[in-house]
């Protein structure tokens, strides 16, 4: 196939595994991969895996290495989360603002990520649907509530999380 196609396909598979909650399996496969470790999809998948395991700093280290295209909404949300986590509130707010202008923020994003990027706390009762929102609730020390639309990976992470209700 085209050069880089294998890495992109591998990254897409890893993203699917993480979304479905097979975080350990995704990490194992990623550890065996050669050369694809720096493609955006792989970094995004492995950052999500770190967030689901509660390792924000490892996840954000991967997000920093991502050269995500402008049309990657989830990658931009991960960057906004990591800016907020490192105290770069203005940059976090700007990143999320660009997504808002494009109509790319979900209700969950507005309830969880938006307050965080302005230095506040998630709205009471905010429910996480994806790994970025899950990590944001944990970062804020907010109660861990899950959206009815939550990805299987988020449900599985919460099931193994002692701080979850």
Foldseek 3Di string as FASTA:
>chain_A
DDPPPVLVVLLVVLQVCLLQQVLVVSVVVLVVDPPSCQAQSNLQSNLLSCLLLVNNVVSVVSLVSHPDDPPPLSSLLNPLLNCLLVVVLVVSQVSVVVCVVVVNDDPLCVQFSNQSSNVHHGHAPRADAGSSSQSSCVSRVHAHHHDPNHGNSNVNSLVVDPRHD
